[in-house]
Amino acid sequence: MAKITGPLTGDAKNIVAEALQGALVDLIDLSLVAKQMHWNVIGPHFRQVHLQLDEVTSLARGHADTIAERAAAIGLNPDGRSTTLGKSTKLPQPERGWIEDGKVVASMSDILDGIGQRMRERVEATEEPDPVTQDLFIAVAQDIDKQRWMFQAQR
């Protein structure tokens, strides 16, 4: 069996592995949470919020793929299994059933704020060991910040 190796070793590899895996969990679960809310949002601003949740889902899925492929490219195994997500997600889960649009907006604002903070921590953590990965985190943070702003503007 072929082995994938990468340019990082020791502490640098461990720091980058932790940051990439954490980001992958955040992004996959963000796509799931956004889609769950997308299917269950109700209220006078339904359409606007419904469509914005699809934007969040798309950006989360796209960035998750990029993050996972970066991990693989440097010899790490990305883990996006549902059991891994269930054990390690930091995202609050939406309530079951219909969710009023105002609650969705508030929840997504908070969720995106948390992810944005963790992305900034990852940007800082990867500055020294792997600037290439750091650039990916910067791009994710930029898109997360934009979506957070758009949800906060609706509050």
C-alpha atoms as a PDB file:
ATOM      1  CA  MET A   1       0.000   0.000   0.000  1.00  0.00           C
ATOM      2  CA  ALA A   2       1.295   3.465  -0.903  1.00  0.00           C
ATOM      3  CA  LYS A   3       1.964   5.907   1.893  1.00  0.00           C
ATOM      4  CA  ILE A   4       1.297   9.625   1.628  1.00  0.00           C
ATOM      5  CA  THR A   5       4.018  11.697   3.231  1.00  0.00           C
ATOM      6  CA  GLY A   6       4.207  15.398   3.773  1.00  0.00           C
ATOM      7  CA  PRO A   7       6.634  18.206   4.490  1.00  0.00           C
ATOM      8  CA  LEU A   8       5.818  18.529   8.194  1.00  0.00           C
ATOM      9  CA  THR A   9       7.193  16.547  11.106  1.00  0.00           C
ATOM     10  CA  GLY A  10       7.068  16.558  14.891  1.00  0.00           C
ATOM     11  CA  ASP A  11       5.298  19.390  16.671  1.00  0.00           C
ATOM     12  CA  ALA A  12       4.593  21.251  13.420  1.00  0.00           C
ATOM     13  CA  LYS A  13       2.738  18.254  12.016  1.00  0.00           C
ATOM     14  CA  ASN A  14       0.767  17.792  15.240  1.00  0.00           C
ATOM     15  CA  ILE A  15      -0.246  21.460  15.418  1.00  0.00           C
ATOM     16  CA  VAL A  16      -1.366  21.538  11.790  1.00  0.00           C
ATOM     17  CA  ALA A  17      -3.152  18.174  12.080  1.00  0.00           C
ATOM     18  CA  GLU A  18      -5.174  19.383  15.073  1.00  0.00           C
ATOM     19  CA  ALA A  19      -6.053  22.659  13.366  1.00  0.00           C
ATOM     20  CA  LEU A  20      -7.106  21.005  10.100  1.00  0.00           C
ATOM     21  CA  GLN A  21      -9.195  18.346  11.835  1.00  0.00           C
ATOM     22  CA  GLY A  22     -10.921  20.930  14.031  1.00  0.00           C
ATOM     23  CA  ALA A  23     -11.713  23.076  11.005  1.00  0.00           C
ATOM     24  CA  LEU A  24     -13.029  20.065   9.108  1.00  0.00           C
ATOM     25  CA  VAL A  25     -15.407  19.181  11.944  1.00  0.00           C
ATOM     26  CA  ASP A  26     -16.578  22.804  12.227  1.00  0.00           C
ATOM     27  CA  LEU A  27     -17.230  23.073   8.494  1.00  0.00           C
ATOM     28  CA  ILE A  28     -18.955  19.731   7.995  1.00  0.00           C
ATOM     29  CA  ASP A  29     -21.204  20.314  10.978  1.00  0.00           C
ATOM     30  CA  LEU A  30     -21.884  23.888   9.843  1.00  0.00           C
ATOM     31  CA  SER A  31     -23.127  22.494   6.527  1.00  0.00           C
ATOM     32  CA  LEU A  32     -25.397  20.041   8.367  1.00  0.00           C
ATOM     33  CA  VAL A  33     -26.725  22.579  10.860  1.00  0.00           C
ATOM     34  CA  ALA A  34     -27.375  25.149   8.125  1.00  0.00           C
ATOM     35  CA  LYS A  35     -29.218  22.589   6.011  1.00  0.00           C
ATOM     36  CA  GLN A  36     -31.312  21.443   8.994  1.00  0.00           C
ATOM     37  CA  MET A  37     -32.324  25.038   9.657  1.00  0.00           C
ATOM     38  CA  HIS A  38     -32.888  25.584   5.917  1.00  0.00           C
ATOM     39  CA  TRP A  39     -35.485  22.800   5.875  1.00  0.00           C
ATOM     40  CA  ASN A  40     -37.245  23.958   9.052  1.00  0.00           C
ATOM     41  CA  VAL A  41     -37.189  27.758   9.013  1.00  0.00           C
ATOM     42  CA  ILE A  42     -40.560  29.508   9.124  1.00  0.00           C
ATOM     43  CA  GLY A  43     -41.659  33.097   9.480  1.00  0.00           C
ATOM     44  CA  PRO A  44     -42.086  36.345   7.582  1.00  0.00           C
ATOM     45  CA  HIS A  45     -38.464  36.329   6.405  1.00  0.00           C
ATOM     46  CA  PHE A  46     -38.534  32.667   5.414  1.00  0.00           C
ATOM     47  CA  ARG A  47     -37.357  33.017   1.827  1.00  0.00           C
ATOM     48  CA  GLN A  48     -34.461  35.343   2.540  1.00  0.00           C
ATOM     49  CA  VAL A  49     -33.171  33.213   5.446  1.00  0.00           C
ATOM     50  CA  HIS A  50     -33.853  29.959   3.574  1.00  0.00           C
ATOM     51  CA  LEU A  51     -31.697  31.096   0.647  1.00  0.00           C
ATOM     52  CA  GLN A  52     -28.945  32.469   2.863  1.00  0.00           C
ATOM     53  CA  LEU A  53     -28.728  29.127   4.664  1.00  0.00           C
ATOM     54  CA  ASP A  54     -28.076  27.484   1.298  1.00  0.00           C
ATOM     55  CA  GLU A  55     -25.186  29.924   0.776  1.00  0.00           C
ATOM     56  CA  VAL A  56     -23.747  28.925   4.148  1.00  0.00           C
ATOM     57  CA  THR A  57     -24.137  25.240   3.301  1.00  0.00           C
ATOM     58  CA  SER A  58     -22.359  25.670  -0.026  1.00  0.00           C
ATOM     59  CA  LEU A  59     -19.458  27.638   1.389  1.00  0.00           C
ATOM     60  CA  ALA A  60     -19.053  25.203   4.287  1.00  0.00           C
ATOM     61  CA  ARG A  61     -19.020  22.198   1.966  1.00  0.00           C
ATOM     62  CA  GLY A  62     -16.541  23.827  -0.397  1.00  0.00           C
ATOM     63  CA  HIS A  63     -14.165  24.838   2.378  1.00  0.00           C
ATOM     64  CA  ALA A  64     -14.509  21.441   4.085  1.00  0.00           C
ATOM     65  CA  ASP A  65     -13.363  19.747   0.897  1.00  0.00           C
ATOM     66  CA  THR A  66     -10.396  22.107   0.564  1.00  0.00           C
ATOM     67  CA  ILE A  67      -9.407  21.580   4.204  1.00  0.00           C
ATOM     68  CA  ALA A  68      -9.701  17.781   3.938  1.00  0.00           C
ATOM     69  CA  GLU A  69      -7.682  17.721   0.729  1.00  0.00           C
ATOM     70  CA  ARG A  70      -4.997  19.904   2.328  1.00  0.00           C
ATOM     71  CA  ALA A  71      -4.747  17.412   5.173  1.00  0.00           C
ATOM     72  CA  ALA A  72      -4.409  14.518   2.743  1.00  0.00           C
ATOM     73  CA  ALA A  73      -1.864  16.410   0.640  1.00  0.00           C
ATOM     74  CA  ILE A  74       0.451  16.808   3.608  1.00  0.00           C
ATOM     75  CA  GLY A  75       0.098  13.193   4.736  1.00  0.00           C
ATOM     76  CA  LEU A  76      -2.680  13.496   7.298  1.00  0.00           C
ATOM     77  CA  ASN A  77      -5.913  11.519   7.340  1.00  0.00           C
ATOM     78  CA  PRO A  78      -8.978  13.784   7.406  1.00  0.00           C
ATOM     79  CA  ASP A  79     -11.840  12.329   9.448  1.00  0.00           C
ATOM     80  CA  GLY A  80     -15.319  13.496   8.477  1.00  0.00           C
ATOM     81  CA  ARG A  81     -17.229  10.485   9.789  1.00  0.00           C
ATOM     82  CA  SER A  82     -20.504  11.119  11.576  1.00  0.00           C
ATOM     83  CA  THR A  83     -19.206   9.453  14.753  1.00  0.00           C
ATOM     84  CA  THR A  84     -16.237  11.812  14.773  1.00  0.00           C
ATOM     85  CA  LEU A  85     -18.506  14.815  14.275  1.00  0.00           C
ATOM     86  CA  GLY A  86     -20.821  13.667  17.048  1.00  0.00           C
ATOM     87  CA  LYS A  87     -17.937  13.348  19.499  1.00  0.00           C
ATOM     88  CA  SER A  88     -16.030  16.494  18.649  1.00  0.00           C
ATOM     89  CA  THR A  89     -18.373  19.178  17.315  1.00  0.00           C
ATOM     90  CA  LYS A  90     -18.493  22.465  19.179  1.00  0.00           C
ATOM     91  CA  LEU A  91     -21.551  23.716  17.319  1.00  0.00           C
ATOM     92  CA  PRO A  92     -24.836  24.010  19.195  1.00  0.00           C
ATOM     93  CA  GLN A  93     -27.442  21.909  17.454  1.00  0.00           C
ATOM     94  CA  PRO A  94     -30.730  23.345  16.223  1.00  0.00           C
ATOM     95  CA  GLU A  95     -33.920  22.404  17.980  1.00  0.00           C
ATOM     96  CA  ARG A  96     -36.162  19.814  16.403  1.00  0.00           C
ATOM     97  CA  GLY A  97     -39.131  20.971  14.359  1.00  0.00           C
ATOM     98  CA  TRP A  98     -40.016  24.335  12.882  1.00  0.00           C
ATOM     99  CA  ILE A  99     -37.724  27.179  13.851  1.00  0.00           C
ATOM    100  CA  GLU A 100     -38.853  30.797  13.683  1.00  0.00           C
ATOM    101  CA  ASP A 101     -36.709  32.864  11.327  1.00  0.00           C
ATOM    102  CA  GLY A 102     -35.575  35.238  14.083  1.00  0.00           C
ATOM    103  CA  LYS A 103     -34.252  32.303  16.117  1.00  0.00           C
ATOM    104  CA  VAL A 104     -32.456  30.966  13.052  1.00  0.00           C
ATOM    105  CA  VAL A 105     -30.806  34.333  12.454  1.00  0.00           C
ATOM    106  CA  ALA A 106     -29.719  34.605  16.099  1.00  0.00           C
ATOM    107  CA  SER A 107     -28.478  31.006  16.199  1.00  0.00           C
ATOM    108  CA  MET A 108     -26.525  31.298  12.954  1.00  0.00           C
ATOM    109  CA  SER A 109     -24.971  34.578  14.122  1.00  0.00           C
ATOM    110  CA  ASP A 110     -23.730  32.851  17.273  1.00  0.00           C
ATOM    111  CA  ILE A 111     -22.581  29.703  15.463  1.00  0.00           C
ATOM    112  CA  LEU A 112     -20.665  31.706  12.863  1.00  0.00           C
ATOM    113  CA  ASP A 113     -19.126  33.855  15.585  1.00  0.00           C
ATOM    114  CA  GLY A 114     -17.800  30.744  17.344  1.00  0.00           C
ATOM    115  CA  ILE A 115     -16.423  29.257  14.145  1.00  0.00           C
ATOM    116  CA  GLY A 116     -14.839  32.593  13.232  1.00  0.00           C
ATOM    117  CA  GLN A 117     -13.083  32.760  16.596  1.00  0.00           C
ATOM    118  CA  ARG A 118     -11.764  29.212  16.223  1.00  0.00           C
ATOM    119  CA  MET A 119     -10.577  29.947  12.675  1.00  0.00           C
ATOM    120  CA  ARG A 120      -8.604  32.925  13.972  1.00  0.00           C
ATOM    121  CA  GLU A 121      -7.001  30.677  16.582  1.00  0.00           C
ATOM    122  CA  ARG A 122      -6.064  28.277  13.770  1.00  0.00           C
ATOM    123  CA  VAL A 123      -4.650  31.139  11.693  1.00  0.00           C
ATOM    124  CA  GLU A 124      -2.423  32.076  14.606  1.00  0.00           C
ATOM    125  CA  ALA A 125      -1.463  28.469  15.415  1.00  0.00           C
ATOM    126  CA  THR A 126      -0.394  27.652  11.854  1.00  0.00           C
ATOM    127  CA  GLU A 127       1.517  30.849  11.071  1.00  0.00           C
ATOM    128  CA  GLU A 128       4.875  29.326  11.947  1.00  0.00           C
ATOM    129  CA  PRO A 129       4.491  25.609  11.172  1.00  0.00           C
ATOM    130  CA  ASP A 130       2.625  25.881   7.852  1.00  0.00           C
ATOM    131  CA  PRO A 131       1.822  29.211   6.181  1.00  0.00           C
ATOM    132  CA  VAL A 132       0.121  27.380   3.294  1.00  0.00           C
ATOM    133  CA  THR A 133      -2.474  25.929   5.666  1.00  0.00           C
ATOM    134  CA  GLN A 134      -2.695  29.302   7.384  1.00  0.00           C
ATOM    135  CA  ASP A 135      -3.744  30.853   4.059  1.00  0.00           C
ATOM    136  CA  LEU A 136      -6.612  28.363   3.814  1.00  0.00           C
ATOM    137  CA  PHE A 137      -7.804  29.285   7.295  1.00  0.00           C
ATOM    138  CA  ILE A 138      -7.651  32.969   6.398  1.00  0.00           C
ATOM    139  CA  ALA A 139      -9.893  32.330   3.376  1.00  0.00           C
ATOM    140  CA  VAL A 140     -12.359  30.365   5.509  1.00  0.00           C
ATOM    141  CA  ALA A 141     -12.395  33.096   8.165  1.00  0.00           C
ATOM    142  CA  GLN A 142     -13.100  35.720   5.514  1.00  0.00           C
ATOM    143  CA  ASP A 143     -16.182  33.862   4.249  1.00  0.00           C
ATOM    144  CA  ILE A 144     -17.398  33.031   7.765  1.00  0.00           C
ATOM    145  CA  ASP A 145     -17.051  36.698   8.784  1.00  0.00           C
ATOM    146  CA  LYS A 146     -19.063  37.794   5.766  1.00  0.00           C
ATOM    147  CA  GLN A 147     -21.895  35.397   6.532  1.00  0.00           C
ATOM    148  CA  ARG A 148     -21.858  36.334  10.227  1.00  0.00           C
ATOM    149  CA  TRP A 149     -22.178  39.985   9.257  1.00  0.00           C
ATOM    150  CA  MET A 150     -25.096  39.229   6.947  1.00  0.00           C
ATOM    151  CA  PHE A 151     -26.953  37.326   9.662  1.00  0.00           C
ATOM    152  CA  GLN A 152     -26.175  39.930  12.322  1.00  0.00           C
ATOM    153  CA  ALA A 153     -27.518  42.669  10.049  1.00  0.00           C
ATOM    154  CA  GLN A 154     -30.900  40.929  10.135  1.00  0.00           C
ATOM    155  CA  ARG A 155     -31.199  40.980  13.932  1.00  0.00           C
END
